[in-house]
């Protein structure tokens, strides 16, 4: 079966937004990713303050480098769970 080559840069979408897209999706994403970023940066700064007391060695730097993504992972999960809990608590039957 022949498949003609098509350009992805031409044409227009019929709808800019899918009908199933939740309301305020940008605000939800800002809450999730922004909250994660702020809390992770704050925790990384506090951890660096703790590690700097005796002087930063290579091992301390590696510990901080490992701490940041792992703490971000936990913070992301926390903010996602908190959002889900609040939607169940005050959502009154609305979909997540």
PDB file of N, CA and C in Angstrom:
ATOM      1  N   UNK A   1       0.847  -1.167   0.000  1.00  0.00           N
ATOM      2  CA  UNK A   1       0.000   0.000   0.000  1.00  0.00           C
ATOM      3  C   UNK A   1       0.903   1.243   0.000  1.00  0.00           C
ATOM      4  N   UNK A   2       0.665   2.119  -0.913  1.00  0.00           N
ATOM      5  CA  UNK A   2       1.480   3.324  -1.049  1.00  0.00           C
ATOM      6  C   UNK A   2       1.052   4.360  -0.013  1.00  0.00           C
ATOM      7  N   UNK A   3       2.043   4.947   0.641  1.00  0.00           N
ATOM      8  CA  UNK A   3       1.777   5.992   1.642  1.00  0.00           C
ATOM      9  C   UNK A   3       2.438   7.273   1.164  1.00  0.00           C
ATOM     10  N   UNK A   4       1.653   8.286   0.770  1.00  0.00           N
ATOM     11  CA  UNK A   4       2.263   9.528   0.304  1.00  0.00           C
ATOM     12  C   UNK A   4       2.935  10.272   1.472  1.00  0.00           C
ATOM     13  N   UNK A   5       4.015  10.933   1.146  1.00  0.00           N
ATOM     14  CA  UNK A   5       4.731  11.704   2.157  1.00  0.00           C
ATOM     15  C   UNK A   5       3.945  12.970   2.473  1.00  0.00           C
ATOM     16  N   UNK A   6       3.773  13.265   3.753  1.00  0.00           N
ATOM     17  CA  UNK A   6       3.007  14.431   4.179  1.00  0.00           C
ATOM     18  C   UNK A   6       3.861  15.283   5.099  1.00  0.00           C
ATOM     19  N   UNK A   7       3.647  16.572   5.028  1.00  0.00           N
ATOM     20  CA  UNK A   7       4.363  17.500   5.876  1.00  0.00           C
ATOM     21  C   UNK A   7       3.566  17.738   7.167  1.00  0.00           C
ATOM     22  N   UNK A   8       4.265  17.728   8.281  1.00  0.00           N
ATOM     23  CA  UNK A   8       3.622  18.004   9.562  1.00  0.00           C
ATOM     24  C   UNK A   8       3.536  19.508   9.844  1.00  0.00           C
ATOM     25  N   UNK A   9       4.177  20.301   9.024  1.00  0.00           N
ATOM     26  CA  UNK A   9       4.182  21.746   9.238  1.00  0.00           C
ATOM     27  C   UNK A   9       3.038  22.453   8.511  1.00  0.00           C
ATOM     28  N   UNK A  10       2.384  21.772   7.610  1.00  0.00           N
ATOM     29  CA  UNK A  10       1.298  22.380   6.847  1.00  0.00           C
ATOM     30  C   UNK A  10      -0.042  21.896   7.369  1.00  0.00           C
ATOM     31  N   UNK A  11      -1.043  22.699   7.114  1.00  0.00           N
ATOM     32  CA  UNK A  11      -2.390  22.329   7.529  1.00  0.00           C
ATOM     33  C   UNK A  11      -2.752  22.972   8.864  1.00  0.00           C
ATOM     34  N   UNK A  12      -4.004  22.830   9.229  1.00  0.00           N
ATOM     35  CA  UNK A  12      -4.484  23.396  10.486  1.00  0.00           C
ATOM     36  C   UNK A  12      -5.235  22.329  11.250  1.00  0.00           C
ATOM     37  N   UNK A  13      -5.171  22.462  12.538  1.00  0.00           N
ATOM     38  CA  UNK A  13      -5.937  21.562  13.378  1.00  0.00           C
ATOM     39  C   UNK A  13      -7.402  21.984  13.364  1.00  0.00           C
ATOM     40  N   UNK A  14      -8.282  21.018  13.420  1.00  0.00           N
ATOM     41  CA  UNK A  14      -9.703  21.336  13.433  1.00  0.00           C
ATOM     42  C   UNK A  14     -10.067  22.028  14.752  1.00  0.00           C
ATOM     43  N   UNK A  15      -9.515  21.512  15.844  1.00  0.00           N
ATOM     44  CA  UNK A  15      -9.747  22.109  17.165  1.00  0.00           C
ATOM     45  C   UNK A  15      -8.397  22.368  17.807  1.00  0.00           C
ATOM     46  N   UNK A  16      -8.266  23.501  18.467  1.00  0.00           N
ATOM     47  CA  UNK A  16      -7.013  23.796  19.150  1.00  0.00           C
ATOM     48  C   UNK A  16      -6.871  22.968  20.411  1.00  0.00           C
ATOM     49  N   UNK A  17      -7.984  22.661  21.032  1.00  0.00           N
ATOM     50  CA  UNK A  17      -7.975  21.929  22.282  1.00  0.00           C
ATOM     51  C   UNK A  17      -8.939  20.770  22.180  1.00  0.00           C
ATOM     52  N   UNK A  18      -8.537  19.636  22.687  1.00  0.00           N
ATOM     53  CA  UNK A  18      -9.425  18.483  22.670  1.00  0.00           C
ATOM     54  C   UNK A  18     -10.586  18.709  23.631  1.00  0.00           C
ATOM     55  N   UNK A  19     -11.768  18.204  23.310  1.00  0.00           N
ATOM     56  CA  UNK A  19     -12.911  18.381  24.209  1.00  0.00           C
ATOM     57  C   UNK A  19     -12.719  17.701  25.566  1.00  0.00           C
ATOM     58  N   UNK A  20     -11.859  16.697  25.623  1.00  0.00           N
ATOM     59  CA  UNK A  20     -11.643  15.989  26.881  1.00  0.00           C
ATOM     60  C   UNK A  20     -10.573  16.637  27.761  1.00  0.00           C
ATOM     61  N   UNK A  21      -9.968  17.732  27.287  1.00  0.00           N
ATOM     62  CA  UNK A  21      -8.932  18.396  28.067  1.00  0.00           C
ATOM     63  C   UNK A  21      -9.542  19.028  29.312  1.00  0.00           C
ATOM     64  N   UNK A  22      -8.952  18.766  30.489  1.00  0.00           N
ATOM     65  CA  UNK A  22      -9.500  19.349  31.717  1.00  0.00           C
ATOM     66  C   UNK A  22      -9.390  20.867  31.716  1.00  0.00           C
ATOM     67  N   UNK A  23     -10.291  21.497  32.457  1.00  0.00           N
ATOM     68  CA  UNK A  23     -10.253  22.953  32.571  1.00  0.00           C
ATOM     69  C   UNK A  23      -9.029  23.377  33.376  1.00  0.00           C
ATOM     70  N   UNK A  24      -8.509  24.519  33.072  1.00  0.00           N
ATOM     71  CA  UNK A  24      -7.376  25.114  33.785  1.00  0.00           C
ATOM     72  C   UNK A  24      -6.149  24.213  33.786  1.00  0.00           C
ATOM     73  N   UNK A  25      -5.892  23.563  32.680  1.00  0.00           N
ATOM     74  CA  UNK A  25      -4.779  22.626  32.599  1.00  0.00           C
ATOM     75  C   UNK A  25      -3.437  23.332  32.803  1.00  0.00           C
ATOM     76  N   UNK A  26      -3.299  24.521  32.279  1.00  0.00           N
ATOM     77  CA  UNK A  26      -2.035  25.261  32.446  1.00  0.00           C
ATOM     78  C   UNK A  26      -1.786  25.601  33.907  1.00  0.00           C
ATOM     79  N   UNK A  27      -2.837  25.981  34.621  1.00  0.00           N
ATOM     80  CA  UNK A  27      -2.679  26.291  36.053  1.00  0.00           C
ATOM     81  C   UNK A  27      -2.318  25.042  36.846  1.00  0.00           C
ATOM     82  N   UNK A  28      -2.898  23.922  36.458  1.00  0.00           N
ATOM     83  CA  UNK A  28      -2.575  22.662  37.138  1.00  0.00           C
ATOM     84  C   UNK A  28      -1.119  22.286  36.920  1.00  0.00           C
ATOM     85  N   UNK A  29      -0.667  22.448  35.695  1.00  0.00           N
ATOM     86  CA  UNK A  29       0.736  22.134  35.405  1.00  0.00           C
ATOM     87  C   UNK A  29       1.678  23.098  36.120  1.00  0.00           C
ATOM     88  N   UNK A  30       1.308  24.371  36.162  1.00  0.00           N
ATOM     89  CA  UNK A  30       2.125  25.348  36.868  1.00  0.00           C
ATOM     90  C   UNK A  30       2.212  25.005  38.350  1.00  0.00           C
ATOM     91  N   UNK A  31       1.096  24.610  38.945  1.00  0.00           N
ATOM     92  CA  UNK A  31       1.094  24.204  40.346  1.00  0.00           C
ATOM     93  C   UNK A  31       2.017  23.009  40.564  1.00  0.00           C
ATOM     94  N   UNK A  32       1.893  21.997  39.721  1.00  0.00           N
ATOM     95  CA  UNK A  32       2.657  20.763  39.911  1.00  0.00           C
ATOM     96  C   UNK A  32       4.145  20.980  39.670  1.00  0.00           C
ATOM     97  N   UNK A  33       4.498  21.515  38.519  1.00  0.00           N
ATOM     98  CA  UNK A  33       5.911  21.683  38.199  1.00  0.00           C
ATOM     99  C   UNK A  33       6.540  22.856  38.946  1.00  0.00           C
ATOM    100  N   UNK A  34       5.799  23.949  39.106  1.00  0.00           N
ATOM    101  CA  UNK A  34       6.325  25.089  39.844  1.00  0.00           C
ATOM    102  C   UNK A  34       6.532  24.776  41.311  1.00  0.00           C
ATOM    103  N   UNK A  35       5.557  24.118  41.916  1.00  0.00           N
ATOM    104  CA  UNK A  35       5.700  23.731  43.321  1.00  0.00           C
ATOM    105  C   UNK A  35       6.851  22.778  43.521  1.00  0.00           C
ATOM    106  N   UNK A  36       6.992  21.829  42.616  1.00  0.00           N
ATOM    107  CA  UNK A  36       8.106  20.882  42.692  1.00  0.00           C
ATOM    108  C   UNK A  36       9.439  21.601  42.583  1.00  0.00           C
ATOM    109  N   UNK A  37       9.543  22.512  41.642  1.00  0.00           N
ATOM    110  CA  UNK A  37      10.790  23.238  41.437  1.00  0.00           C
ATOM    111  C   UNK A  37      11.146  24.100  42.645  1.00  0.00           C
ATOM    112  N   UNK A  38      10.175  24.825  43.176  1.00  0.00           N
ATOM    113  CA  UNK A  38      10.442  25.716  44.306  1.00  0.00           C
ATOM    114  C   UNK A  38      10.877  24.920  45.533  1.00  0.00           C
ATOM    115  N   UNK A  39      10.162  23.856  45.845  1.00  0.00           N
ATOM    116  CA  UNK A  39      10.488  23.059  47.028  1.00  0.00           C
ATOM    117  C   UNK A  39      11.834  22.357  46.849  1.00  0.00           C
ATOM    118  N   UNK A  40      12.117  21.867  45.661  1.00  0.00           N
ATOM    119  CA  UNK A  40      13.383  21.188  45.411  1.00  0.00           C
ATOM    120  C   UNK A  40      14.559  22.150  45.504  1.00  0.00           C
ATOM    121  N   UNK A  41      14.418  23.330  44.950  1.00  0.00           N
ATOM    122  CA  UNK A  41      15.504  24.315  45.043  1.00  0.00           C
ATOM    123  C   UNK A  41      15.733  24.758  46.476  1.00  0.00           C
ATOM    124  N   UNK A  42      14.662  24.921  47.229  1.00  0.00           N
ATOM    125  CA  UNK A  42      14.799  25.298  48.632  1.00  0.00           C
ATOM    126  C   UNK A  42      15.503  24.191  49.427  1.00  0.00           C
ATOM    127  N   UNK A  43      15.116  22.946  49.195  1.00  0.00           N
ATOM    128  CA  UNK A  43      15.748  21.824  49.893  1.00  0.00           C
ATOM    129  C   UNK A  43      17.211  21.677  49.490  1.00  0.00           C
ATOM    130  N   UNK A  44      17.518  21.896  48.220  1.00  0.00           N
ATOM    131  CA  UNK A  44      18.905  21.810  47.764  1.00  0.00           C
ATOM    132  C   UNK A  44      19.747  22.909  48.403  1.00  0.00           C
ATOM    133  N   UNK A  45      19.188  24.098  48.506  1.00  0.00           N
ATOM    134  CA  UNK A  45      19.915  25.193  49.152  1.00  0.00           C
ATOM    135  C   UNK A  45      20.172  24.879  50.625  1.00  0.00           C
ATOM    136  N   UNK A  46      19.160  24.358  51.318  1.00  0.00           N
ATOM    137  CA  UNK A  46      19.334  24.009  52.726  1.00  0.00           C
ATOM    138  C   UNK A  46      20.357  22.877  52.888  1.00  0.00           C
ATOM    139  N   UNK A  47      20.319  21.907  52.021  1.00  0.00           N
ATOM    140  CA  UNK A  47      21.290  20.806  52.081  1.00  0.00           C
ATOM    141  C   UNK A  47      22.701  21.315  51.820  1.00  0.00           C
ATOM    142  N   UNK A  48      22.832  22.244  50.880  1.00  0.00           N
ATOM    143  CA  UNK A  48      24.163  22.798  50.614  1.00  0.00           C
ATOM    144  C   UNK A  48      24.672  23.597  51.808  1.00  0.00           C
ATOM    145  N   UNK A  49      23.788  24.262  52.519  1.00  0.00           N
ATOM    146  CA  UNK A  49      24.191  24.979  53.733  1.00  0.00           C
ATOM    147  C   UNK A  49      24.691  24.011  54.801  1.00  0.00           C
ATOM    148  N   UNK A  50      24.017  22.878  54.928  1.00  0.00           N
ATOM    149  CA  UNK A  50      24.445  21.869  55.893  1.00  0.00           C
ATOM    150  C   UNK A  50      25.796  21.278  55.499  1.00  0.00           C
ATOM    151  N   UNK A  51      25.974  20.984  54.220  1.00  0.00           N
ATOM    152  CA  UNK A  51      27.217  20.376  53.754  1.00  0.00           C
ATOM    153  C   UNK A  51      28.384  21.349  53.759  1.00  0.00           C
ATOM    154  N   UNK A  52      28.126  22.636  53.704  1.00  0.00           N
ATOM    155  CA  UNK A  52      29.181  23.642  53.657  1.00  0.00           C
ATOM    156  C   UNK A  52      29.821  23.915  55.013  1.00  0.00           C
ATOM    157  N   UNK A  53      29.235  23.426  56.091  1.00  0.00           N
ATOM    158  CA  UNK A  53      29.742  23.735  57.434  1.00  0.00           C
ATOM    159  C   UNK A  53      31.192  23.302  57.590  1.00  0.00           C
ATOM    160  N   UNK A  54      31.513  22.098  57.184  1.00  0.00           N
ATOM    161  CA  UNK A  54      32.896  21.624  57.303  1.00  0.00           C
ATOM    162  C   UNK A  54      33.695  21.821  56.033  1.00  0.00           C
ATOM    163  N   UNK A  55      33.158  22.497  55.062  1.00  0.00           N
ATOM    164  CA  UNK A  55      33.813  22.673  53.767  1.00  0.00           C
ATOM    165  C   UNK A  55      33.289  21.651  52.773  1.00  0.00           C
ATOM    166  N   UNK A  56      33.083  22.082  51.555  1.00  0.00           N
ATOM    167  CA  UNK A  56      32.535  21.198  50.518  1.00  0.00           C
ATOM    168  C   UNK A  56      33.663  20.377  49.895  1.00  0.00           C
ATOM    169  N   UNK A  57      33.547  19.080  50.015  1.00  0.00           N
ATOM    170  CA  UNK A  57      34.486  18.189  49.350  1.00  0.00           C
ATOM    171  C   UNK A  57      33.823  17.638  48.090  1.00  0.00           C
ATOM    172  N   UNK A  58      34.562  16.828  47.367  1.00  0.00           N
ATOM    173  CA  UNK A  58      34.017  16.216  46.164  1.00  0.00           C
ATOM    174  C   UNK A  58      32.866  15.278  46.517  1.00  0.00           C
ATOM    175  N   UNK A  59      33.008  14.565  47.598  1.00  0.00           N
ATOM    176  CA  UNK A  59      31.960  13.657  48.036  1.00  0.00           C
ATOM    177  C   UNK A  59      30.693  14.416  48.436  1.00  0.00           C
ATOM    178  N   UNK A  60      30.857  15.562  49.083  1.00  0.00           N
ATOM    179  CA  UNK A  60      29.703  16.390  49.438  1.00  0.00           C
ATOM    180  C   UNK A  60      28.986  16.905  48.190  1.00  0.00           C
ATOM    181  N   UNK A  61      29.762  17.289  47.196  1.00  0.00           N
ATOM    182  CA  UNK A  61      29.164  17.763  45.943  1.00  0.00           C
ATOM    183  C   UNK A  61      28.393  16.653  45.241  1.00  0.00           C
ATOM    184  N   UNK A  62      28.953  15.445  45.248  1.00  0.00           N
ATOM    185  CA  UNK A  62      28.257  14.310  44.637  1.00  0.00           C
ATOM    186  C   UNK A  62      26.980  13.980  45.404  1.00  0.00           C
ATOM    187  N   UNK A  63      27.045  14.086  46.726  1.00  0.00           N
ATOM    188  CA  UNK A  63      25.860  13.851  47.542  1.00  0.00           C
ATOM    189  C   UNK A  63      24.768  14.865  47.204  1.00  0.00           C
ATOM    190  N   UNK A  64      25.150  16.124  47.076  1.00  0.00           N
ATOM    191  CA  UNK A  64      24.175  17.163  46.720  1.00  0.00           C
ATOM    192  C   UNK A  64      23.617  16.939  45.317  1.00  0.00           C
ATOM    193  N   UNK A  65      24.474  16.508  44.402  1.00  0.00           N
ATOM    194  CA  UNK A  65      24.035  16.240  43.028  1.00  0.00           C
ATOM    195  C   UNK A  65      23.054  15.069  42.980  1.00  0.00           C
ATOM    196  N   UNK A  66      23.233  14.097  43.839  1.00  0.00           N
ATOM    197  CA  UNK A  66      22.307  12.969  43.904  1.00  0.00           C
ATOM    198  C   UNK A  66      21.041  13.328  44.673  1.00  0.00           C
ATOM    199  N   UNK A  67      21.180  14.195  45.663  1.00  0.00           N
ATOM    200  CA  UNK A  67      20.051  14.594  46.496  1.00  0.00           C
ATOM    201  C   UNK A  67      18.986  15.356  45.704  1.00  0.00           C
ATOM    202  N   UNK A  68      19.421  16.228  44.817  1.00  0.00           N
ATOM    203  CA  UNK A  68      18.477  17.115  44.123  1.00  0.00           C
ATOM    204  C   UNK A  68      17.440  16.377  43.274  1.00  0.00           C
ATOM    205  N   UNK A  69      17.823  15.480  42.362  1.00  0.00           N
ATOM    206  CA  UNK A  69      16.769  14.812  41.579  1.00  0.00           C
ATOM    207  C   UNK A  69      15.920  13.861  42.421  1.00  0.00           C
ATOM    208  N   UNK A  70      16.528  13.235  43.430  1.00  0.00           N
ATOM    209  CA  UNK A  70      15.745  12.325  44.267  1.00  0.00           C
ATOM    210  C   UNK A  70      14.722  13.089  45.104  1.00  0.00           C
ATOM    211  N   UNK A  71      15.117  14.236  45.635  1.00  0.00           N
ATOM    212  CA  UNK A  71      14.166  15.048  46.389  1.00  0.00           C
ATOM    213  C   UNK A  71      13.099  15.615  45.460  1.00  0.00           C
ATOM    214  N   UNK A  72      13.497  15.984  44.244  1.00  0.00           N
ATOM    215  CA  UNK A  72      12.516  16.473  43.266  1.00  0.00           C
ATOM    216  C   UNK A  72      11.487  15.418  42.926  1.00  0.00           C
ATOM    217  N   UNK A  73      11.907  14.189  42.855  1.00  0.00           N
ATOM    218  CA  UNK A  73      11.006  13.074  42.576  1.00  0.00           C
ATOM    219  C   UNK A  73       9.981  12.926  43.698  1.00  0.00           C
ATOM    220  N   UNK A  74      10.448  13.022  44.933  1.00  0.00           N
ATOM    221  CA  UNK A  74       9.546  12.928  46.087  1.00  0.00           C
ATOM    222  C   UNK A  74       8.599  14.131  46.118  1.00  0.00           C
ATOM    223  N   UNK A  75       9.122  15.325  45.844  1.00  0.00           N
ATOM    224  CA  UNK A  75       8.289  16.524  45.858  1.00  0.00           C
ATOM    225  C   UNK A  75       7.227  16.466  44.754  1.00  0.00           C
ATOM    226  N   UNK A  76       7.593  15.974  43.579  1.00  0.00           N
ATOM    227  CA  UNK A  76       6.643  15.830  42.484  1.00  0.00           C
ATOM    228  C   UNK A  76       5.512  14.884  42.884  1.00  0.00           C
ATOM    229  N   UNK A  77       5.860  13.776  43.508  1.00  0.00           N
ATOM    230  CA  UNK A  77       4.848  12.815  43.958  1.00  0.00           C
ATOM    231  C   UNK A  77       3.962  13.422  45.032  1.00  0.00           C
ATOM    232  N   UNK A  78       4.558  14.189  45.935  1.00  0.00           N
ATOM    233  CA  UNK A  78       3.774  14.832  46.991  1.00  0.00           C
ATOM    234  C   UNK A  78       2.768  15.813  46.417  1.00  0.00           C
ATOM    235  N   UNK A  79       3.211  16.681  45.514  1.00  0.00           N
ATOM    236  CA  UNK A  79       2.298  17.674  44.954  1.00  0.00           C
ATOM    237  C   UNK A  79       1.206  17.025  44.100  1.00  0.00           C
ATOM    238  N   UNK A  80       1.544  15.956  43.397  1.00  0.00           N
ATOM    239  CA  UNK A  80       0.531  15.234  42.634  1.00  0.00           C
ATOM    240  C   UNK A  80      -0.498  14.572  43.538  1.00  0.00           C
ATOM    241  N   UNK A  81      -0.026  13.955  44.627  1.00  0.00           N
ATOM    242  CA  UNK A  81      -0.945  13.321  45.575  1.00  0.00           C
ATOM    243  C   UNK A  81      -1.804  14.365  46.285  1.00  0.00           C
ATOM    244  N   UNK A  82      -1.212  15.507  46.622  1.00  0.00           N
ATOM    245  CA  UNK A  82      -1.972  16.572  47.269  1.00  0.00           C
ATOM    246  C   UNK A  82      -3.057  17.114  46.338  1.00  0.00           C
ATOM    247  N   UNK A  83      -2.741  17.269  45.072  1.00  0.00           N
ATOM    248  CA  UNK A  83      -3.738  17.732  44.101  1.00  0.00           C
ATOM    249  C   UNK A  83      -4.875  16.732  43.974  1.00  0.00           C
ATOM    250  N   UNK A  84      -4.546  15.453  43.903  1.00  0.00           N
ATOM    251  CA  UNK A  84      -5.576  14.426  43.824  1.00  0.00           C
ATOM    252  C   UNK A  84      -6.440  14.388  45.068  1.00  0.00           C
ATOM    253  N   UNK A  85      -5.816  14.531  46.231  1.00  0.00           N
ATOM    254  CA  UNK A  85      -6.568  14.538  47.478  1.00  0.00           C
ATOM    255  C   UNK A  85      -7.522  15.728  47.534  1.00  0.00           C
ATOM    256  N   UNK A  86      -7.048  16.895  47.139  1.00  0.00           N
ATOM    257  CA  UNK A  86      -7.909  18.081  47.163  1.00  0.00           C
ATOM    258  C   UNK A  86      -9.051  17.965  46.165  1.00  0.00           C
ATOM    259  N   UNK A  87      -8.790  17.358  45.004  1.00  0.00           N
ATOM    260  CA  UNK A  87      -9.865  17.176  44.030  1.00  0.00           C
ATOM    261  C   UNK A  87     -10.935  16.218  44.559  1.00  0.00           C
ATOM    262  N   UNK A  88     -10.524  15.180  45.251  1.00  0.00           N
ATOM    263  CA  UNK A  88     -11.489  14.251  45.840  1.00  0.00           C
ATOM    264  C   UNK A  88     -12.229  14.928  46.986  1.00  0.00           C
ATOM    265  N   UNK A  89     -11.509  15.716  47.787  1.00  0.00           N
ATOM    266  CA  UNK A  89     -12.093  16.345  48.953  1.00  0.00           C
ATOM    267  C   UNK A  89     -13.091  17.437  48.582  1.00  0.00           C
ATOM    268  N   UNK A  90     -12.739  18.317  47.650  1.00  0.00           N
ATOM    269  CA  UNK A  90     -13.611  19.452  47.326  1.00  0.00           C
ATOM    270  C   UNK A  90     -14.162  19.388  45.910  1.00  0.00           C
ATOM    271  N   UNK A  91     -13.860  18.324  45.172  1.00  0.00           N
ATOM    272  CA  UNK A  91     -14.254  18.233  43.775  1.00  0.00           C
ATOM    273  C   UNK A  91     -15.741  18.005  43.536  1.00  0.00           C
ATOM    274  N   UNK A  92     -16.428  17.438  44.510  1.00  0.00           N
ATOM    275  CA  UNK A  92     -17.869  17.165  44.398  1.00  0.00           C
ATOM    276  C   UNK A  92     -18.202  16.372  43.145  1.00  0.00           C
ATOM    277  N   UNK A  93     -17.468  15.296  42.919  1.00  0.00           N
ATOM    278  CA  UNK A  93     -17.800  14.395  41.825  1.00  0.00           C
ATOM    279  C   UNK A  93     -17.229  14.761  40.474  1.00  0.00           C
ATOM    280  N   UNK A  94     -16.456  15.845  40.387  1.00  0.00           N
ATOM    281  CA  UNK A  94     -15.846  16.193  39.105  1.00  0.00           C
ATOM    282  C   UNK A  94     -14.710  15.241  38.799  1.00  0.00           C
ATOM    283  N   UNK A  95     -14.414  15.078  37.532  1.00  0.00           N
ATOM    284  CA  UNK A  95     -13.318  14.215  37.132  1.00  0.00           C
ATOM    285  C   UNK A  95     -11.990  14.889  37.436  1.00  0.00           C
ATOM    286  N   UNK A  96     -10.975  14.052  37.669  1.00  0.00           N
ATOM    287  CA  UNK A  96      -9.645  14.580  37.877  1.00  0.00           C
ATOM    288  C   UNK A  96      -9.125  15.100  36.561  1.00  0.00           C
TER     289      UNK A  96
END
